[in-house]
Amino acid sequence: TIIDNVIDKMMPEVESTVREVETCEQFVFKLNTESQNELLHRMQIARAWMVLYRSRLWPKSTITHNLLNHFVWRQSFLADVPQPYWTDINDHVARMVDLLELGTQTLESIQN
């Protein structure tokens, strides 16, 4: 349950950061030149958070993927933990990675 709790606590933070990127995207066409500096600052902060979350998620993604796909190893050390538990964690990590990828693509499109 520790791994699941860590992953679940990250989900709202990742979702919030991606929503901030989407908000920035909406502001791009509505702001005057003076307000664009604030928007650029917000975009920089959002990008920094997304890089941080990606660096936190990558090892977790690798661990859950390995635990899910190496049944023999998992059975040797974690025999009491059922398969659906690892599948759930892996799905949550994959969802957050997808959200971060969407946010990164949105930021790139804003900058172009």
PDB file of N, CA and C in Angstrom:
ATOM      1  N   THR A   1       0.803  -1.203   0.000  1.00  0.00           N
ATOM      2  CA  THR A   1       0.000   0.000   0.000  1.00  0.00           C
ATOM      3  C   THR A   1       0.846   1.267   0.000  1.00  0.00           C
ATOM      4  N   ILE A   2       2.071   1.194   0.429  1.00  0.00           N
ATOM      5  CA  ILE A   2       2.918   2.383   0.453  1.00  0.00           C
ATOM      6  C   ILE A   2       3.138   2.901  -0.965  1.00  0.00           C
ATOM      7  N   ILE A   3       3.479   2.015  -1.873  1.00  0.00           N
ATOM      8  CA  ILE A   3       3.728   2.440  -3.257  1.00  0.00           C
ATOM      9  C   ILE A   3       2.457   3.024  -3.862  1.00  0.00           C
ATOM     10  N   ASP A   4       1.334   2.388  -3.628  1.00  0.00           N
ATOM     11  CA  ASP A   4       0.060   2.871  -4.155  1.00  0.00           C
ATOM     12  C   ASP A   4      -0.260   4.260  -3.607  1.00  0.00           C
ATOM     13  N   ASN A   5      -0.034   4.486  -2.322  1.00  0.00           N
ATOM     14  CA  ASN A   5      -0.301   5.795  -1.722  1.00  0.00           C
ATOM     15  C   ASN A   5       0.596   6.877  -2.305  1.00  0.00           C
ATOM     16  N   VAL A   6       1.867   6.551  -2.511  1.00  0.00           N
ATOM     17  CA  VAL A   6       2.787   7.527  -3.098  1.00  0.00           C
ATOM     18  C   VAL A   6       2.320   7.910  -4.493  1.00  0.00           C
ATOM     19  N   ILE A   7       1.971   6.922  -5.282  1.00  0.00           N
ATOM     20  CA  ILE A   7       1.513   7.178  -6.652  1.00  0.00           C
ATOM     21  C   ILE A   7       0.202   7.962  -6.644  1.00  0.00           C
ATOM     22  N   ASP A   8      -0.737   7.554  -5.802  1.00  0.00           N
ATOM     23  CA  ASP A   8      -2.038   8.228  -5.755  1.00  0.00           C
ATOM     24  C   ASP A   8      -1.925   9.672  -5.285  1.00  0.00           C
ATOM     25  N   LYS A   9      -0.973   9.969  -4.417  1.00  0.00           N
ATOM     26  CA  LYS A   9      -0.803  11.351  -3.944  1.00  0.00           C
ATOM     27  C   LYS A   9      -0.209  12.247  -5.035  1.00  0.00           C
ATOM     28  N   MET A  10       0.536  11.656  -5.960  1.00  0.00           N
ATOM     29  CA  MET A  10       1.113  12.444  -7.055  1.00  0.00           C
ATOM     30  C   MET A  10       0.079  12.797  -8.119  1.00  0.00           C
ATOM     31  N   MET A  11      -0.953  11.974  -8.260  1.00  0.00           N
ATOM     32  CA  MET A  11      -1.934  12.152  -9.338  1.00  0.00           C
ATOM     33  C   MET A  11      -2.559  13.561  -9.331  1.00  0.00           C
ATOM     34  N   PRO A  12      -3.090  14.061  -8.214  1.00  0.00           N
ATOM     35  CA  PRO A  12      -3.693  15.406  -8.254  1.00  0.00           C
ATOM     36  C   PRO A  12      -2.679  16.505  -8.588  1.00  0.00           C
ATOM     37  N   GLU A  13      -1.430  16.338  -8.151  1.00  0.00           N
ATOM     38  CA  GLU A  13      -0.407  17.331  -8.449  1.00  0.00           C
ATOM     39  C   GLU A  13      -0.108  17.366  -9.938  1.00  0.00           C
ATOM     40  N   VAL A  14       0.011  16.218 -10.551  1.00  0.00           N
ATOM     41  CA  VAL A  14       0.278  16.143 -11.990  1.00  0.00           C
ATOM     42  C   VAL A  14      -0.910  16.716 -12.762  1.00  0.00           C
ATOM     43  N   GLU A  15      -2.112  16.335 -12.375  1.00  0.00           N
ATOM     44  CA  GLU A  15      -3.309  16.846 -13.054  1.00  0.00           C
ATOM     45  C   GLU A  15      -3.397  18.364 -12.942  1.00  0.00           C
ATOM     46  N   SER A  16      -3.074  18.902 -11.772  1.00  0.00           N
ATOM     47  CA  SER A  16      -3.111  20.349 -11.554  1.00  0.00           C
ATOM     48  C   SER A  16      -2.095  21.064 -12.448  1.00  0.00           C
ATOM     49  N   THR A  17      -0.919  20.515 -12.570  1.00  0.00           N
ATOM     50  CA  THR A  17       0.109  21.128 -13.411  1.00  0.00           C
ATOM     51  C   THR A  17      -0.306  21.118 -14.876  1.00  0.00           C
ATOM     52  N   VAL A  18      -0.882  20.028 -15.333  1.00  0.00           N
ATOM     53  CA  VAL A  18      -1.323  19.957 -16.725  1.00  0.00           C
ATOM     54  C   VAL A  18      -2.489  20.920 -16.960  1.00  0.00           C
ATOM     55  N   ARG A  19      -3.380  21.065 -15.981  1.00  0.00           N
ATOM     56  CA  ARG A  19      -4.466  22.057 -16.110  1.00  0.00           C
ATOM     57  C   ARG A  19      -3.890  23.473 -16.214  1.00  0.00           C
ATOM     58  N   GLU A  20      -2.821  23.754 -15.471  1.00  0.00           N
ATOM     59  CA  GLU A  20      -2.174  25.069 -15.550  1.00  0.00           C
ATOM     60  C   GLU A  20      -1.627  25.304 -16.954  1.00  0.00           C
ATOM     61  N   VAL A  21      -1.055  24.282 -17.555  1.00  0.00           N
ATOM     62  CA  VAL A  21      -0.557  24.407 -18.934  1.00  0.00           C
ATOM     63  C   VAL A  21      -1.713  24.701 -19.882  1.00  0.00           C
ATOM     64  N   GLU A  22      -2.824  24.009 -19.704  1.00  0.00           N
ATOM     65  CA  GLU A  22      -3.992  24.237 -20.554  1.00  0.00           C
ATOM     66  C   GLU A  22      -4.534  25.652 -20.372  1.00  0.00           C
ATOM     67  N   THR A  23      -4.491  26.167 -19.152  1.00  0.00           N
ATOM     68  CA  THR A  23      -4.920  27.541 -18.886  1.00  0.00           C
ATOM     69  C   THR A  23      -3.990  28.522 -19.603  1.00  0.00           C
ATOM     70  N   CYS A  24      -2.690  28.259 -19.541  1.00  0.00           N
ATOM     71  CA  CYS A  24      -1.729  29.106 -20.251  1.00  0.00           C
ATOM     72  C   CYS A  24      -2.031  29.121 -21.743  1.00  0.00           C
ATOM     73  N   GLU A  25      -2.372  27.972 -22.272  1.00  0.00           N
ATOM     74  CA  GLU A  25      -2.679  27.878 -23.700  1.00  0.00           C
ATOM     75  C   GLU A  25      -3.865  28.788 -24.049  1.00  0.00           C
ATOM     76  N   GLN A  26      -4.869  28.825 -23.191  1.00  0.00           N
ATOM     77  CA  GLN A  26      -6.048  29.659 -23.445  1.00  0.00           C
ATOM     78  C   GLN A  26      -5.705  31.144 -23.360  1.00  0.00           C
ATOM     79  N   PHE A  27      -4.768  31.482 -22.472  1.00  0.00           N
ATOM     80  CA  PHE A  27      -4.393  32.887 -22.284  1.00  0.00           C
ATOM     81  C   PHE A  27      -3.528  33.442 -23.418  1.00  0.00           C
ATOM     82  N   VAL A  28      -2.855  32.599 -24.135  1.00  0.00           N
ATOM     83  CA  VAL A  28      -1.917  33.056 -25.157  1.00  0.00           C
ATOM     84  C   VAL A  28      -2.569  34.051 -26.110  1.00  0.00           C
ATOM     85  N   PHE A  29      -3.759  33.788 -26.519  1.00  0.00           N
ATOM     86  CA  PHE A  29      -4.412  34.622 -27.526  1.00  0.00           C
ATOM     87  C   PHE A  29      -5.246  35.751 -26.922  1.00  0.00           C
ATOM     88  N   LYS A  30      -5.392  35.778 -25.618  1.00  0.00           N
ATOM     89  CA  LYS A  30      -6.260  36.760 -24.984  1.00  0.00           C
ATOM     90  C   LYS A  30      -5.502  37.901 -24.312  1.00  0.00           C
ATOM     91  N   LEU A  31      -4.226  37.731 -24.064  1.00  0.00           N
ATOM     92  CA  LEU A  31      -3.483  38.694 -23.265  1.00  0.00           C
ATOM     93  C   LEU A  31      -2.821  39.768 -24.112  1.00  0.00           C
ATOM     94  N   ASN A  32      -2.690  40.944 -23.503  1.00  0.00           N
ATOM     95  CA  ASN A  32      -1.939  42.001 -24.159  1.00  0.00           C
ATOM     96  C   ASN A  32      -0.448  41.785 -23.893  1.00  0.00           C
ATOM     97  N   THR A  33       0.385  42.586 -24.491  1.00  0.00           N
ATOM     98  CA  THR A  33       1.829  42.399 -24.415  1.00  0.00           C
ATOM     99  C   THR A  33       2.343  42.440 -22.981  1.00  0.00           C
ATOM    100  N   GLU A  34       1.812  43.335 -22.172  1.00  0.00           N
ATOM    101  CA  GLU A  34       2.265  43.475 -20.785  1.00  0.00           C
ATOM    102  C   GLU A  34       1.966  42.205 -19.970  1.00  0.00           C
ATOM    103  N   SER A  35       0.806  41.627 -20.179  1.00  0.00           N
ATOM    104  CA  SER A  35       0.415  40.432 -19.437  1.00  0.00           C
ATOM    105  C   SER A  35       1.124  39.178 -19.921  1.00  0.00           C
ATOM    106  N   GLN A  36       1.700  39.237 -21.100  1.00  0.00           N
ATOM    107  CA  GLN A  36       2.383  38.067 -21.626  1.00  0.00           C
ATOM    108  C   GLN A  36       3.612  37.693 -20.806  1.00  0.00           C
ATOM    109  N   ASN A  37       4.232  38.668 -20.145  1.00  0.00           N
ATOM    110  CA  ASN A  37       5.372  38.346 -19.276  1.00  0.00           C
ATOM    111  C   ASN A  37       4.936  37.452 -18.119  1.00  0.00           C
ATOM    112  N   GLU A  38       3.787  37.738 -17.549  1.00  0.00           N
ATOM    113  CA  GLU A  38       3.259  36.890 -16.478  1.00  0.00           C
ATOM    114  C   GLU A  38       2.969  35.487 -17.017  1.00  0.00           C
ATOM    115  N   LEU A  39       2.408  35.428 -18.204  1.00  0.00           N
ATOM    116  CA  LEU A  39       2.116  34.142 -18.821  1.00  0.00           C
ATOM    117  C   LEU A  39       3.399  33.345 -19.045  1.00  0.00           C
ATOM    118  N   LEU A  40       4.436  33.993 -19.547  1.00  0.00           N
ATOM    119  CA  LEU A  40       5.713  33.311 -19.755  1.00  0.00           C
ATOM    120  C   LEU A  40       6.271  32.777 -18.437  1.00  0.00           C
ATOM    121  N   HIS A  41       6.121  33.549 -17.391  1.00  0.00           N
ATOM    122  CA  HIS A  41       6.572  33.109 -16.066  1.00  0.00           C
ATOM    123  C   HIS A  41       5.790  31.876 -15.614  1.00  0.00           C
ATOM    124  N   ARG A  42       4.495  31.903 -15.799  1.00  0.00           N
ATOM    125  CA  ARG A  42       3.662  30.747 -15.429  1.00  0.00           C
ATOM    126  C   ARG A  42       4.032  29.511 -16.245  1.00  0.00           C
ATOM    127  N   MET A  43       4.336  29.725 -17.520  1.00  0.00           N
ATOM    128  CA  MET A  43       4.729  28.609 -18.368  1.00  0.00           C
ATOM    129  C   MET A  43       6.061  28.013 -17.903  1.00  0.00           C
ATOM    130  N   GLN A  44       6.993  28.860 -17.497  1.00  0.00           N
ATOM    131  CA  GLN A  44       8.273  28.381 -16.993  1.00  0.00           C
ATOM    132  C   GLN A  44       8.091  27.556 -15.723  1.00  0.00           C
ATOM    133  N   ILE A  45       7.231  28.028 -14.843  1.00  0.00           N
ATOM    134  CA  ILE A  45       6.971  27.296 -13.599  1.00  0.00           C
ATOM    135  C   ILE A  45       6.324  25.954 -13.912  1.00  0.00           C
ATOM    136  N   ALA A  46       5.349  25.944 -14.804  1.00  0.00           N
ATOM    137  CA  ALA A  46       4.673  24.693 -15.169  1.00  0.00           C
ATOM    138  C   ALA A  46       5.665  23.712 -15.790  1.00  0.00           C
ATOM    139  N   ARG A  47       6.537  24.202 -16.653  1.00  0.00           N
ATOM    140  CA  ARG A  47       7.538  23.325 -17.283  1.00  0.00           C
ATOM    141  C   ARG A  47       8.462  22.738 -16.215  1.00  0.00           C
ATOM    142  N   ALA A  48       8.874  23.548 -15.263  1.00  0.00           N
ATOM    143  CA  ALA A  48       9.764  23.056 -14.202  1.00  0.00           C
ATOM    144  C   ALA A  48       9.077  21.969 -13.383  1.00  0.00           C
ATOM    145  N   TRP A  49       7.805  22.166 -13.055  1.00  0.00           N
ATOM    146  CA  TRP A  49       7.074  21.138 -12.306  1.00  0.00           C
ATOM    147  C   TRP A  49       6.932  19.859 -13.114  1.00  0.00           C
ATOM    148  N   MET A  50       6.679  19.998 -14.404  1.00  0.00           N
ATOM    149  CA  MET A  50       6.516  18.805 -15.232  1.00  0.00           C
ATOM    150  C   MET A  50       7.828  18.029 -15.328  1.00  0.00           C
ATOM    151  N   VAL A  51       8.940  18.733 -15.419  1.00  0.00           N
ATOM    152  CA  VAL A  51      10.245  18.058 -15.434  1.00  0.00           C
ATOM    153  C   VAL A  51      10.465  17.333 -14.112  1.00  0.00           C
ATOM    154  N   LEU A  52      10.119  17.983 -13.011  1.00  0.00           N
ATOM    155  CA  LEU A  52      10.268  17.360 -11.692  1.00  0.00           C
ATOM    156  C   LEU A  52       9.397  16.108 -11.574  1.00  0.00           C
ATOM    157  N   TYR A  53       8.141  16.202 -11.971  1.00  0.00           N
ATOM    158  CA  TYR A  53       7.251  15.037 -11.888  1.00  0.00           C
ATOM    159  C   TYR A  53       7.733  13.906 -12.790  1.00  0.00           C
ATOM    160  N   ARG A  54       8.216  14.260 -13.965  1.00  0.00           N
ATOM    161  CA  ARG A  54       8.720  13.227 -14.864  1.00  0.00           C
ATOM    162  C   ARG A  54       9.920  12.512 -14.231  1.00  0.00           C
ATOM    163  N   SER A  55      10.797  13.264 -13.592  1.00  0.00           N
ATOM    164  CA  SER A  55      11.963  12.637 -12.958  1.00  0.00           C
ATOM    165  C   SER A  55      11.553  11.774 -11.775  1.00  0.00           C
ATOM    166  N   ARG A  56      10.461  12.121 -11.116  1.00  0.00           N
ATOM    167  CA  ARG A  56       9.956  11.303 -10.012  1.00  0.00           C
ATOM    168  C   ARG A  56       9.214  10.072 -10.516  1.00  0.00           C
ATOM    169  N   LEU A  57       8.537  10.199 -11.635  1.00  0.00           N
ATOM    170  CA  LEU A  57       7.731   9.087 -12.155  1.00  0.00           C
ATOM    171  C   LEU A  57       8.552   8.043 -12.900  1.00  0.00           C
ATOM    172  N   TRP A  58       9.633   8.460 -13.550  1.00  0.00           N
ATOM    173  CA  TRP A  58      10.388   7.520 -14.378  1.00  0.00           C
ATOM    174  C   TRP A  58      10.847   6.294 -13.590  1.00  0.00           C
ATOM    175  N   PRO A  59      11.493   6.460 -12.412  1.00  0.00           N
ATOM    176  CA  PRO A  59      11.898   5.256 -11.668  1.00  0.00           C
ATOM    177  C   PRO A  59      10.702   4.420 -11.212  1.00  0.00           C
ATOM    178  N   LYS A  60       9.629   5.079 -10.832  1.00  0.00           N
ATOM    179  CA  LYS A  60       8.434   4.343 -10.403  1.00  0.00           C
ATOM    180  C   LYS A  60       7.844   3.555 -11.564  1.00  0.00           C
ATOM    181  N   SER A  61       7.876   4.148 -12.737  1.00  0.00           N
ATOM    182  CA  SER A  61       7.380   3.465 -13.919  1.00  0.00           C
ATOM    183  C   SER A  61       8.219   2.226 -14.210  1.00  0.00           C
ATOM    184  N   THR A  62       9.511   2.365 -14.107  1.00  0.00           N
ATOM    185  CA  THR A  62      10.413   1.232 -14.346  1.00  0.00           C
ATOM    186  C   THR A  62      10.184   0.126 -13.328  1.00  0.00           C
ATOM    187  N   ILE A  63      10.056   0.503 -12.070  1.00  0.00           N
ATOM    188  CA  ILE A  63       9.847  -0.489 -10.998  1.00  0.00           C
ATOM    189  C   ILE A  63       8.533  -1.228 -11.203  1.00  0.00           C
ATOM    190  N   THR A  64       7.452  -0.482 -11.410  1.00  0.00           N
ATOM    191  CA  THR A  64       6.152  -1.156 -11.555  1.00  0.00           C
ATOM    192  C   THR A  64       6.101  -2.003 -12.815  1.00  0.00           C
ATOM    193  N   HIS A  65       6.718  -1.513 -13.878  1.00  0.00           N
ATOM    194  CA  HIS A  65       6.759  -2.304 -15.121  1.00  0.00           C
ATOM    195  C   HIS A  65       7.506  -3.617 -14.880  1.00  0.00           C
ATOM    196  N   ASN A  66       8.652  -3.535 -14.214  1.00  0.00           N
ATOM    197  CA  ASN A  66       9.435  -4.742 -13.935  1.00  0.00           C
ATOM    198  C   ASN A  66       8.689  -5.692 -13.005  1.00  0.00           C
ATOM    199  N   LEU A  67       8.022  -5.163 -12.004  1.00  0.00           N
ATOM    200  CA  LEU A  67       7.265  -6.025 -11.093  1.00  0.00           C
ATOM    201  C   LEU A  67       6.094  -6.692 -11.806  1.00  0.00           C
ATOM    202  N   LEU A  68       5.511  -5.985 -12.733  1.00  0.00           N
ATOM    203  CA  LEU A  68       4.371  -6.525 -13.466  1.00  0.00           C
ATOM    204  C   LEU A  68       4.798  -7.606 -14.457  1.00  0.00           C
ATOM    205  N   ASN A  69       5.953  -7.425 -15.060  1.00  0.00           N
ATOM    206  CA  ASN A  69       6.359  -8.318 -16.150  1.00  0.00           C
ATOM    207  C   ASN A  69       7.321  -9.433 -15.755  1.00  0.00           C
ATOM    208  N   HIS A  70       7.859  -9.385 -14.555  1.00  0.00           N
ATOM    209  CA  HIS A  70       8.781 -10.425 -14.104  1.00  0.00           C
ATOM    210  C   HIS A  70       8.128 -11.219 -12.985  1.00  0.00           C
ATOM    211  N   PHE A  71       7.218 -12.080 -13.399  1.00  0.00           N
ATOM    212  CA  PHE A  71       6.397 -12.837 -12.451  1.00  0.00           C
ATOM    213  C   PHE A  71       7.231 -13.673 -11.485  1.00  0.00           C
ATOM    214  N   VAL A  72       8.276 -14.301 -11.962  1.00  0.00           N
ATOM    215  CA  VAL A  72       9.098 -15.174 -11.112  1.00  0.00           C
ATOM    216  C   VAL A  72       9.742 -14.357  -9.998  1.00  0.00           C
ATOM    217  N   TRP A  73      10.305 -13.225 -10.361  1.00  0.00           N
ATOM    218  CA  TRP A  73      10.941 -12.372  -9.362  1.00  0.00           C
ATOM    219  C   TRP A  73       9.919 -11.874  -8.340  1.00  0.00           C
ATOM    220  N   ARG A  74       8.760 -11.444  -8.830  1.00  0.00           N
ATOM    221  CA  ARG A  74       7.710 -10.930  -7.938  1.00  0.00           C
ATOM    222  C   ARG A  74       7.237 -12.020  -6.991  1.00  0.00           C
ATOM    223  N   GLN A  75       7.079 -13.228  -7.499  1.00  0.00           N
ATOM    224  CA  GLN A  75       6.628 -14.339  -6.658  1.00  0.00           C
ATOM    225  C   GLN A  75       7.663 -14.693  -5.599  1.00  0.00           C
ATOM    226  N   SER A  76       8.927 -14.495  -5.894  1.00  0.00           N
ATOM    227  CA  SER A  76       9.972 -14.818  -4.921  1.00  0.00           C
ATOM    228  C   SER A  76       9.961 -13.860  -3.736  1.00  0.00           C
ATOM    229  N   PHE A  77       9.744 -12.585  -3.994  1.00  0.00           N
ATOM    230  CA  PHE A  77       9.876 -11.585  -2.944  1.00  0.00           C
ATOM    231  C   PHE A  77       8.559 -10.983  -2.467  1.00  0.00           C
ATOM    232  N   LEU A  78       7.568 -10.957  -3.325  1.00  0.00           N
ATOM    233  CA  LEU A  78       6.310 -10.278  -2.999  1.00  0.00           C
ATOM    234  C   LEU A  78       5.116 -11.181  -3.273  1.00  0.00           C
ATOM    235  N   ALA A  79       5.214 -12.403  -2.843  1.00  0.00           N
ATOM    236  CA  ALA A  79       4.185 -13.404  -3.151  1.00  0.00           C
ATOM    237  C   ALA A  79       2.813 -13.041  -2.594  1.00  0.00           C
ATOM    238  N   ASP A  80       2.766 -12.295  -1.500  1.00  0.00           N
ATOM    239  CA  ASP A  80       1.482 -11.966  -0.862  1.00  0.00           C
ATOM    240  C   ASP A  80       0.754 -10.793  -1.523  1.00  0.00           C
ATOM    241  N   VAL A  81       1.418 -10.108  -2.437  1.00  0.00           N
ATOM    242  CA  VAL A  81       0.806  -8.948  -3.088  1.00  0.00           C
ATOM    243  C   VAL A  81       0.157  -9.410  -4.393  1.00  0.00           C
ATOM    244  N   PRO A  82      -1.163  -9.241  -4.519  1.00  0.00           N
ATOM    245  CA  PRO A  82      -1.865  -9.750  -5.705  1.00  0.00           C
ATOM    246  C   PRO A  82      -1.544  -8.952  -6.977  1.00  0.00           C
ATOM    247  N   GLN A  83      -1.683  -9.609  -8.103  1.00  0.00           N
ATOM    248  CA  GLN A  83      -1.432  -9.017  -9.416  1.00  0.00           C
ATOM    249  C   GLN A  83      -2.233  -7.726  -9.660  1.00  0.00           C
ATOM    250  N   PRO A  84      -3.525  -7.669  -9.316  1.00  0.00           N
ATOM    251  CA  PRO A  84      -4.287  -6.441  -9.573  1.00  0.00           C
ATOM    252  C   PRO A  84      -3.698  -5.198  -8.896  1.00  0.00           C
ATOM    253  N   TYR A  85      -3.048  -5.395  -7.767  1.00  0.00           N
ATOM    254  CA  TYR A  85      -2.412  -4.273  -7.071  1.00  0.00           C
ATOM    255  C   TYR A  85      -1.339  -3.650  -7.964  1.00  0.00           C
ATOM    256  N   TRP A  86      -0.476  -4.480  -8.551  1.00  0.00           N
ATOM    257  CA  TRP A  86       0.594  -3.975  -9.409  1.00  0.00           C
ATOM    258  C   TRP A  86       0.028  -3.393 -10.701  1.00  0.00           C
ATOM    259  N   THR A  87      -1.022  -4.002 -11.214  1.00  0.00           N
ATOM    260  CA  THR A  87      -1.656  -3.481 -12.421  1.00  0.00           C
ATOM    261  C   THR A  87      -2.232  -2.092 -12.166  1.00  0.00           C
ATOM    262  N   ASP A  88      -2.883  -1.909 -11.028  1.00  0.00           N
ATOM    263  CA  ASP A  88      -3.460  -0.622 -10.658  1.00  0.00           C
ATOM    264  C   ASP A  88      -2.376   0.454 -10.558  1.00  0.00           C
ATOM    265  N   ILE A  89      -1.300   0.132  -9.889  1.00  0.00           N
ATOM    266  CA  ILE A  89      -0.203   1.094  -9.743  1.00  0.00           C
ATOM    267  C   ILE A  89       0.388   1.429 -11.113  1.00  0.00           C
ATOM    268  N   ASN A  90       0.624   0.408 -11.907  1.00  0.00           N
ATOM    269  CA  ASN A  90       1.189   0.634 -13.240  1.00  0.00           C
ATOM    270  C   ASN A  90       0.262   1.500 -14.088  1.00  0.00           C
ATOM    271  N   ASP A  91      -1.039   1.278 -14.007  1.00  0.00           N
ATOM    272  CA  ASP A  91      -2.004   2.095 -14.751  1.00  0.00           C
ATOM    273  C   ASP A  91      -1.963   3.554 -14.304  1.00  0.00           C
ATOM    274  N   HIS A  92      -1.856   3.787 -13.005  1.00  0.00           N
ATOM    275  CA  HIS A  92      -1.801   5.162 -12.493  1.00  0.00           C
ATOM    276  C   HIS A  92      -0.527   5.868 -12.962  1.00  0.00           C
ATOM    277  N   VAL A  93       0.582   5.183 -12.887  1.00  0.00           N
ATOM    278  CA  VAL A  93       1.842   5.765 -13.349  1.00  0.00           C
ATOM    279  C   VAL A  93       1.757   6.071 -14.847  1.00  0.00           C
ATOM    280  N   ALA A  94       1.245   5.138 -15.623  1.00  0.00           N
ATOM    281  CA  ALA A  94       1.124   5.342 -17.070  1.00  0.00           C
ATOM    282  C   ALA A  94       0.209   6.524 -17.381  1.00  0.00           C
ATOM    283  N   ARG A  95      -0.862   6.671 -16.613  1.00  0.00           N
ATOM    284  CA  ARG A  95      -1.788   7.802 -16.832  1.00  0.00           C
ATOM    285  C   ARG A  95      -1.083   9.128 -16.563  1.00  0.00           C
ATOM    286  N   MET A  96      -0.305   9.186 -15.494  1.00  0.00           N
ATOM    287  CA  MET A  96       0.411  10.426 -15.186  1.00  0.00           C
ATOM    288  C   MET A  96       1.478  10.725 -16.232  1.00  0.00           C
ATOM    289  N   VAL A  97       2.174   9.714 -16.714  1.00  0.00           N
ATOM    290  CA  VAL A  97       3.176   9.916 -17.761  1.00  0.00           C
ATOM    291  C   VAL A  97       2.488  10.453 -19.020  1.00  0.00           C
ATOM    292  N   ASP A  98       1.332   9.909 -19.362  1.00  0.00           N
ATOM    293  CA  ASP A  98       0.576  10.397 -20.525  1.00  0.00           C
ATOM    294  C   ASP A  98       0.141  11.847 -20.329  1.00  0.00           C
ATOM    295  N   LEU A  99      -0.322  12.187 -19.119  1.00  0.00           N
ATOM    296  CA  LEU A  99      -0.719  13.570 -18.836  1.00  0.00           C
ATOM    297  C   LEU A  99       0.467  14.523 -18.985  1.00  0.00           C
ATOM    298  N   LEU A 100       1.610  14.110 -18.473  1.00  0.00           N
ATOM    299  CA  LEU A 100       2.801  14.951 -18.588  1.00  0.00           C
ATOM    300  C   LEU A 100       3.219  15.122 -20.040  1.00  0.00           C
ATOM    301  N   GLU A 101       3.089  14.077 -20.819  1.00  0.00           N
ATOM    302  CA  GLU A 101       3.413  14.163 -22.237  1.00  0.00           C
ATOM    303  C   GLU A 101       2.464  15.140 -22.939  1.00  0.00           C
ATOM    304  N   LEU A 102       1.179  15.065 -22.600  1.00  0.00           N
ATOM    305  CA  LEU A 102       0.198  16.001 -23.155  1.00  0.00           C
ATOM    306  C   LEU A 102       0.551  17.433 -22.764  1.00  0.00           C
ATOM    307  N   GLY A 103       0.898  17.644 -21.511  1.00  0.00           N
ATOM    308  CA  GLY A 103       1.279  18.978 -21.054  1.00  0.00           C
ATOM    309  C   GLY A 103       2.510  19.495 -21.770  1.00  0.00           C
ATOM    310  N   THR A 104       3.493  18.633 -21.972  1.00  0.00           N
ATOM    311  CA  THR A 104       4.713  19.024 -22.686  1.00  0.00           C
ATOM    312  C   THR A 104       4.402  19.406 -24.117  1.00  0.00           C
ATOM    313  N   GLN A 105       3.567  18.630 -24.781  1.00  0.00           N
ATOM    314  CA  GLN A 105       3.179  18.944 -26.163  1.00  0.00           C
ATOM    315  C   GLN A 105       2.414  20.258 -26.227  1.00  0.00           C
ATOM    316  N   THR A 106       1.561  20.497 -25.245  1.00  0.00           N
ATOM    317  CA  THR A 106       0.803  21.753 -25.209  1.00  0.00           C
ATOM    318  C   THR A 106       1.746  22.932 -25.044  1.00  0.00           C
ATOM    319  N   LEU A 107       2.708  22.821 -24.115  1.00  0.00           N
ATOM    320  CA  LEU A 107       3.678  23.909 -23.925  1.00  0.00           C
ATOM    321  C   LEU A 107       4.469  24.170 -25.206  1.00  0.00           C
ATOM    322  N   GLU A 108       4.860  23.115 -25.883  1.00  0.00           N
ATOM    323  CA  GLU A 108       5.608  23.284 -27.118  1.00  0.00           C
ATOM    324  C   GLU A 108       4.769  23.982 -28.179  1.00  0.00           C
ATOM    325  N   SER A 109       3.485  23.652 -28.258  1.00  0.00           N
ATOM    326  CA  SER A 109       2.625  24.285 -29.257  1.00  0.00           C
ATOM    327  C   SER A 109       2.382  25.758 -28.899  1.00  0.00           C
ATOM    328  N   ILE A 110       2.305  26.067 -27.607  1.00  0.00           N
ATOM    329  CA  ILE A 110       2.139  27.465 -27.187  1.00  0.00           C
ATOM    330  C   ILE A 110       3.344  28.282 -27.606  1.00  0.00           C
ATOM    331  N   GLN A 111       4.521  27.714 -27.433  1.00  0.00           N
ATOM    332  CA  GLN A 111       5.748  28.453 -27.739  1.00  0.00           C
ATOM    333  C   GLN A 111       5.967  28.632 -29.230  1.00  0.00           C
ATOM    334  N   ASN A 112       5.327  27.796 -30.019  1.00  0.00           N
ATOM    335  CA  ASN A 112       5.454  27.960 -31.481  1.00  0.00           C
ATOM    336  C   ASN A 112       4.407  28.926 -31.931  1.00  0.00           C
TER     337      ASN A 112
END
